[in-house]
C-alpha atoms as a PDB file:
ATOM      1  CA  UNK A   1       5.142  12.333 -10.841  1.00  0.00           C
ATOM      2  CA  UNK A   2       2.190  13.199  -8.649  1.00  0.00           C
ATOM      3  CA  UNK A   3      -1.129  11.715  -9.673  1.00  0.00           C
ATOM      4  CA  UNK A   4      -4.448  13.490  -9.226  1.00  0.00           C
ATOM      5  CA  UNK A   5      -6.963  11.510  -7.203  1.00  0.00           C
ATOM      6  CA  UNK A   6     -10.711  11.881  -6.690  1.00  0.00           C
ATOM      7  CA  UNK A   7     -12.980  10.434  -4.010  1.00  0.00           C
ATOM      8  CA  UNK A   8     -14.697   7.100  -4.651  1.00  0.00           C
ATOM      9  CA  UNK A   9     -17.236   5.284  -2.462  1.00  0.00           C
ATOM     10  CA  UNK A  10     -15.326   3.259   0.142  1.00  0.00           C
ATOM     11  CA  UNK A  11     -17.492   0.280  -0.846  1.00  0.00           C
ATOM     12  CA  UNK A  12     -15.516   0.176  -4.128  1.00  0.00           C
ATOM     13  CA  UNK A  13     -12.305  -0.698  -2.289  1.00  0.00           C
ATOM     14  CA  UNK A  14     -12.255  -4.375  -3.346  1.00  0.00           C
ATOM     15  CA  UNK A  15     -11.982  -3.600  -7.059  1.00  0.00           C
ATOM     16  CA  UNK A  16      -8.606  -2.028  -6.363  1.00  0.00           C
ATOM     17  CA  UNK A  17      -7.336  -5.021  -4.356  1.00  0.00           C
ATOM     18  CA  UNK A  18      -8.927  -8.134  -5.876  1.00  0.00           C
ATOM     19  CA  UNK A  19      -6.078  -8.539  -8.343  1.00  0.00           C
ATOM     20  CA  UNK A  20      -3.617  -8.747  -5.446  1.00  0.00           C
ATOM     21  CA  UNK A  21      -1.345  -5.736  -5.908  1.00  0.00           C
ATOM     22  CA  UNK A  22       1.635  -5.115  -3.669  1.00  0.00           C
ATOM     23  CA  UNK A  23       0.913  -2.096  -1.473  1.00  0.00           C
ATOM     24  CA  UNK A  24       2.945   0.488   0.372  1.00  0.00           C
ATOM     25  CA  UNK A  25       1.511   0.927   3.863  1.00  0.00           C
ATOM     26  CA  UNK A  26       2.243   4.097   5.810  1.00  0.00           C
ATOM     27  CA  UNK A  27       2.147   3.926   9.602  1.00  0.00           C
ATOM     28  CA  UNK A  28       2.966   6.654  12.093  1.00  0.00           C
ATOM     29  CA  UNK A  29       3.211   6.738  15.887  1.00  0.00           C
ATOM     30  CA  UNK A  30       5.201   9.230  17.993  1.00  0.00           C
ATOM     31  CA  UNK A  31       7.485  10.158  15.126  1.00  0.00           C
ATOM     32  CA  UNK A  32       7.714  10.517  11.358  1.00  0.00           C
ATOM     33  CA  UNK A  33       5.672   8.291   9.058  1.00  0.00           C
ATOM     34  CA  UNK A  34       7.229   5.039   7.872  1.00  0.00           C
ATOM     35  CA  UNK A  35       6.564   3.051   4.697  1.00  0.00           C
ATOM     36  CA  UNK A  36       6.458  -0.761   4.600  1.00  0.00           C
ATOM     37  CA  UNK A  37       5.879  -2.939   1.540  1.00  0.00           C
ATOM     38  CA  UNK A  38       3.073  -5.471   1.997  1.00  0.00           C
ATOM     39  CA  UNK A  39       2.138  -8.276  -0.366  1.00  0.00           C
ATOM     40  CA  UNK A  40      -0.370 -10.105   1.844  1.00  0.00           C
ATOM     41  CA  UNK A  41      -3.359  -7.780   1.692  1.00  0.00           C
ATOM     42  CA  UNK A  42      -6.896  -8.778   0.699  1.00  0.00           C
ATOM     43  CA  UNK A  43     -10.486  -7.575   0.904  1.00  0.00           C
ATOM     44  CA  UNK A  44     -12.684  -9.698   3.201  1.00  0.00           C
ATOM     45  CA  UNK A  45     -16.013  -7.808   3.508  1.00  0.00           C
ATOM     46  CA  UNK A  46     -18.100  -5.355   1.487  1.00  0.00           C
ATOM     47  CA  UNK A  47     -20.318  -4.241   4.410  1.00  0.00           C
ATOM     48  CA  UNK A  48     -18.501  -2.928   6.272  1.00  0.00           C
ATOM     49  CA  UNK A  49     -15.552  -2.408   3.893  1.00  0.00           C
ATOM     50  CA  UNK A  50     -12.856  -4.572   5.509  1.00  0.00           C
ATOM     51  CA  UNK A  51      -9.369  -5.619   4.442  1.00  0.00           C
ATOM     52  CA  UNK A  52      -6.918  -7.938   6.168  1.00  0.00           C
ATOM     53  CA  UNK A  53      -3.173  -7.368   6.039  1.00  0.00           C
ATOM     54  CA  UNK A  54      -0.467  -9.654   7.350  1.00  0.00           C
ATOM     55  CA  UNK A  55       2.630  -8.073   8.943  1.00  0.00           C
ATOM     56  CA  UNK A  56       5.553  -9.743  10.684  1.00  0.00           C
ATOM     57  CA  UNK A  57       6.071  -8.601  14.302  1.00  0.00           C
ATOM     58  CA  UNK A  58       9.785  -8.320  13.454  1.00  0.00           C
ATOM     59  CA  UNK A  59       9.085  -5.346  11.195  1.00  0.00           C
ATOM     60  CA  UNK A  60       9.505  -1.790  12.501  1.00  0.00           C
ATOM     61  CA  UNK A  61       6.071  -0.789  11.168  1.00  0.00           C
ATOM     62  CA  UNK A  62       4.313  -3.596  13.052  1.00  0.00           C
ATOM     63  CA  UNK A  63       4.425  -1.775  16.399  1.00  0.00           C
ATOM     64  CA  UNK A  64       3.611   1.545  14.724  1.00  0.00           C
ATOM     65  CA  UNK A  65       0.408  -0.011  13.361  1.00  0.00           C
ATOM     66  CA  UNK A  66      -0.482  -1.659  16.684  1.00  0.00           C
ATOM     67  CA  UNK A  67       0.081   1.547  18.684  1.00  0.00           C
ATOM     68  CA  UNK A  68      -1.467   4.024  16.232  1.00  0.00           C
ATOM     69  CA  UNK A  69      -4.398   1.839  15.221  1.00  0.00           C
ATOM     70  CA  UNK A  70      -4.447   3.260  11.702  1.00  0.00           C
ATOM     71  CA  UNK A  71      -2.513   3.311   8.429  1.00  0.00           C
ATOM     72  CA  UNK A  72      -2.819   4.110   4.769  1.00  0.00           C
ATOM     73  CA  UNK A  73      -2.583   1.476   2.057  1.00  0.00           C
ATOM     74  CA  UNK A  74      -1.174   2.876  -1.185  1.00  0.00           C
ATOM     75  CA  UNK A  75      -1.131   1.066  -4.520  1.00  0.00           C
ATOM     76  CA  UNK A  76       1.967   2.081  -6.508  1.00  0.00           C
ATOM     77  CA  UNK A  77       2.335   1.961 -10.297  1.00  0.00           C
ATOM     78  CA  UNK A  78       4.736  -0.453 -12.012  1.00  0.00           C
ATOM     79  CA  UNK A  79       7.145   2.416 -12.663  1.00  0.00           C
ATOM     80  CA  UNK A  80       7.864   2.543  -8.905  1.00  0.00           C
ATOM     81  CA  UNK A  81       9.074  -1.069  -8.629  1.00  0.00           C
ATOM     82  CA  UNK A  82      12.568  -0.093  -7.410  1.00  0.00           C
ATOM     83  CA  UNK A  83      11.087   2.018  -4.611  1.00  0.00           C
ATOM     84  CA  UNK A  84       8.626  -0.722  -3.637  1.00  0.00           C
ATOM     85  CA  UNK A  85      11.494  -3.219  -3.351  1.00  0.00           C
ATOM     86  CA  UNK A  86      13.560  -0.678  -1.375  1.00  0.00           C
ATOM     87  CA  UNK A  87      10.722  -0.076   1.119  1.00  0.00           C
ATOM     88  CA  UNK A  88      10.475  -3.841   1.630  1.00  0.00           C
ATOM     89  CA  UNK A  89      14.206  -4.358   2.181  1.00  0.00           C
ATOM     90  CA  UNK A  90      15.223  -1.350   4.276  1.00  0.00           C
ATOM     91  CA  UNK A  91      14.018  -0.803   7.843  1.00  0.00           C
ATOM     92  CA  UNK A  92      12.368   2.462   8.815  1.00  0.00           C
ATOM     93  CA  UNK A  93      14.561   2.359  11.923  1.00  0.00           C
ATOM     94  CA  UNK A  94      17.466   3.294   9.649  1.00  0.00           C
ATOM     95  CA  UNK A  95      15.982   5.326   6.800  1.00  0.00           C
ATOM     96  CA  UNK A  96      13.470   8.015   5.894  1.00  0.00           C
ATOM     97  CA  UNK A  97      11.794   6.122   3.076  1.00  0.00           C
ATOM     98  CA  UNK A  98       9.773   9.131   1.908  1.00  0.00           C
ATOM     99  CA  UNK A  99      13.031  11.040   1.321  1.00  0.00           C
ATOM    100  CA  UNK A 100      15.006   8.057  -0.031  1.00  0.00           C
ATOM    101  CA  UNK A 101      12.287   7.227  -2.581  1.00  0.00           C
ATOM    102  CA  UNK A 102      11.324  10.835  -3.398  1.00  0.00           C
ATOM    103  CA  UNK A 103       7.746  10.095  -2.344  1.00  0.00           C
ATOM    104  CA  UNK A 104       5.388  12.941  -1.502  1.00  0.00           C
ATOM    105  CA  UNK A 105       3.422  12.562   1.759  1.00  0.00           C
ATOM    106  CA  UNK A 106      -0.194  13.646   1.173  1.00  0.00           C
ATOM    107  CA  UNK A 107      -2.242  14.470   4.283  1.00  0.00           C
ATOM    108  CA  UNK A 108      -5.081  12.070   5.017  1.00  0.00           C
ATOM    109  CA  UNK A 109      -8.590  13.295   5.826  1.00  0.00           C
ATOM    110  CA  UNK A 110      -9.777  10.644   8.325  1.00  0.00           C
ATOM    111  CA  UNK A 111      -6.528   9.440   9.968  1.00  0.00           C
ATOM    112  CA  UNK A 112      -3.055  10.763  10.881  1.00  0.00           C
ATOM    113  CA  UNK A 113      -0.646   8.802   8.603  1.00  0.00           C
ATOM    114  CA  UNK A 114      -0.286  10.371   5.148  1.00  0.00           C
ATOM    115  CA  UNK A 115      -0.871   8.774   1.798  1.00  0.00           C
ATOM    116  CA  UNK A 116       1.747   8.640  -0.963  1.00  0.00           C
ATOM    117  CA  UNK A 117       1.167  11.134  -3.778  1.00  0.00           C
ATOM    118  CA  UNK A 118       2.861   9.044  -6.463  1.00  0.00           C
ATOM    119  CA  UNK A 119       0.604   6.036  -5.884  1.00  0.00           C
ATOM    120  CA  UNK A 120      -2.493   5.251  -7.950  1.00  0.00           C
ATOM    121  CA  UNK A 121      -4.761   4.590  -4.972  1.00  0.00           C
ATOM    122  CA  UNK A 122      -4.780   5.524  -1.278  1.00  0.00           C
ATOM    123  CA  UNK A 123      -7.037   3.832   1.269  1.00  0.00           C
ATOM    124  CA  UNK A 124      -7.262   5.413   4.717  1.00  0.00           C
ATOM    125  CA  UNK A 125      -7.821   2.595   7.214  1.00  0.00           C
ATOM    126  CA  UNK A 126      -8.357   2.098  10.932  1.00  0.00           C
ATOM    127  CA  UNK A 127      -7.411  -1.116  12.713  1.00  0.00           C
ATOM    128  CA  UNK A 128     -10.491  -3.003  13.905  1.00  0.00           C
ATOM    129  CA  UNK A 129      -8.676  -6.050  15.236  1.00  0.00           C
ATOM    130  CA  UNK A 130      -5.272  -7.680  15.240  1.00  0.00           C
ATOM    131  CA  UNK A 131      -4.207 -11.146  16.274  1.00  0.00           C
ATOM    132  CA  UNK A 132      -1.222 -13.432  15.864  1.00  0.00           C
ATOM    133  CA  UNK A 133      -1.496 -15.852  12.966  1.00  0.00           C
ATOM    134  CA  UNK A 134       1.561 -18.071  12.704  1.00  0.00           C
ATOM    135  CA  UNK A 135       4.671 -15.907  12.418  1.00  0.00           C
ATOM    136  CA  UNK A 136       2.668 -12.819  11.413  1.00  0.00           C
ATOM    137  CA  UNK A 137      -0.022 -10.589  12.850  1.00  0.00           C
ATOM    138  CA  UNK A 138      -3.280 -10.395  10.935  1.00  0.00           C
ATOM    139  CA  UNK A 139      -4.712  -6.872  10.983  1.00  0.00           C
ATOM    140  CA  UNK A 140      -8.376  -6.338  10.152  1.00  0.00           C
ATOM    141  CA  UNK A 141      -8.707  -2.862   8.644  1.00  0.00           C
ATOM    142  CA  UNK A 142     -11.817  -0.738   8.114  1.00  0.00           C
ATOM    143  CA  UNK A 143     -11.602   1.381   4.951  1.00  0.00           C
ATOM    144  CA  UNK A 144     -12.581   4.904   6.001  1.00  0.00           C
ATOM    145  CA  UNK A 145     -11.727   6.761   2.791  1.00  0.00           C
ATOM    146  CA  UNK A 146     -10.610   5.836  -0.723  1.00  0.00           C
ATOM    147  CA  UNK A 147      -9.021   8.155  -3.283  1.00  0.00           C
ATOM    148  CA  UNK A 148      -7.800   6.958  -6.664  1.00  0.00           C
ATOM    149  CA  UNK A 149      -6.382   8.134  -9.958  1.00  0.00           C
ATOM    150  CA  UNK A 150      -9.552   8.187 -12.090  1.00  0.00           C
ATOM    151  CA  UNK A 151      -7.772   6.763 -15.150  1.00  0.00           C
ATOM    152  CA  UNK A 152      -6.565   3.748 -13.176  1.00  0.00           C
ATOM    153  CA  UNK A 153      -9.996   3.250 -11.636  1.00  0.00           C
ATOM    154  CA  UNK A 154     -12.070   3.651 -14.768  1.00  0.00           C
ATOM    155  CA  UNK A 155      -9.769   1.810 -17.161  1.00  0.00           C
ATOM    156  CA  UNK A 156      -9.142  -1.110 -14.786  1.00  0.00           C
ATOM    157  CA  UNK A 157      -5.367  -1.060 -14.330  1.00  0.00           C
ATOM    158  CA  UNK A 158      -3.120  -1.959 -17.222  1.00  0.00           C
ATOM    159  CA  UNK A 159      -5.587  -3.583 -19.572  1.00  0.00           C
ATOM    160  CA  UNK A 160      -4.533  -1.408 -22.491  1.00  0.00           C
ATOM    161  CA  UNK A 161      -1.443   0.237 -23.931  1.00  0.00           C
ATOM    162  CA  UNK A 162      -0.256   3.182 -21.871  1.00  0.00           C
ATOM    163  CA  UNK A 163      -2.608   2.537 -18.926  1.00  0.00           C
ATOM    164  CA  UNK A 164      -1.284   2.417 -15.355  1.00  0.00           C
ATOM    165  CA  UNK A 165      -0.507  -1.052 -14.055  1.00  0.00           C
ATOM    166  CA  UNK A 166       0.140  -2.431 -10.590  1.00  0.00           C
ATOM    167  CA  UNK A 167       3.025  -4.377  -9.038  1.00  0.00           C
ATOM    168  CA  UNK A 168       2.517  -7.992  -7.981  1.00  0.00           C
ATOM    169  CA  UNK A 169       4.951  -9.775  -5.691  1.00  0.00           C
ATOM    170  CA  UNK A 170       5.631 -13.330  -6.798  1.00  0.00           C
ATOM    171  CA  UNK A 171       7.872 -14.257  -3.862  1.00  0.00           C
ATOM    172  CA  UNK A 172      11.518 -13.658  -3.104  1.00  0.00           C
ATOM    173  CA  UNK A 173      12.771 -10.729  -5.182  1.00  0.00           C
ATOM    174  CA  UNK A 174      10.478 -11.383  -8.157  1.00  0.00           C
ATOM    175  CA  UNK A 175       7.707  -9.006  -9.250  1.00  0.00           C
ATOM    176  CA  UNK A 176       5.375  -8.790 -12.245  1.00  0.00           C
ATOM    177  CA  UNK A 177       3.112  -6.115 -13.679  1.00  0.00           C
ATOM    178  CA  UNK A 178      -0.548  -6.914 -14.187  1.00  0.00           C
ATOM    179  CA  UNK A 179      -0.642  -8.931 -17.407  1.00  0.00           C
ATOM    180  CA  UNK A 180       3.082  -8.647 -18.073  1.00  0.00           C
ATOM    181  CA  UNK A 181       6.257 -10.720 -17.778  1.00  0.00           C
ATOM    182  CA  UNK A 182       7.957 -10.959 -14.375  1.00  0.00           C
ATOM    183  CA  UNK A 183      11.333  -9.367 -13.654  1.00  0.00           C
ATOM    184  CA  UNK A 184      13.605  -8.376 -10.783  1.00  0.00           C
ATOM    185  CA  UNK A 185      13.767  -4.668  -9.881  1.00  0.00           C
ATOM    186  CA  UNK A 186      16.704  -2.480 -10.796  1.00  0.00           C
ATOM    187  CA  UNK A 187      18.784  -1.125  -7.937  1.00  0.00           C
ATOM    188  CA  UNK A 188      17.501   1.995  -6.141  1.00  0.00           C
ATOM    189  CA  UNK A 189      19.039   5.135  -7.635  1.00  0.00           C
END
């Protein structure tokens, strides 16, 4: 299901990330866009609107992000847990994750990589800095544009019956919805 999104001030980006949702990042460089699941993403500045994301150099998307200097961060709903797990387990070297997960690429306005239509939130980001930190690279990202499902934004993700909720990675293959019990994802269909 596609979700309708409306523009929000980029300064509001932290309210969508403070609760620590797992995100689907889309990177693209000299080829089709690739999706990678990221759990280590956090806001670090309001002015300017900055986020840091940690990515292993062993991942296919790592070099796409370094070379392109931009990516989208997409916050998926709980109903997409199987696809989120799939995008974290399968390399973009071997799969078209948009096709495999039936995700709709939505053109970005400020950068080249697309957003994901089925996600609740899309942040268009440019890389401001990247540096090795242990076994990962820490990317500092400037939020250039933010679009969100207005219901998710206004109702504050999953704090009532029937409201959209986000996916939270608890380590290994364990995930939990915001305010719900944890569980392992079902196999990709």
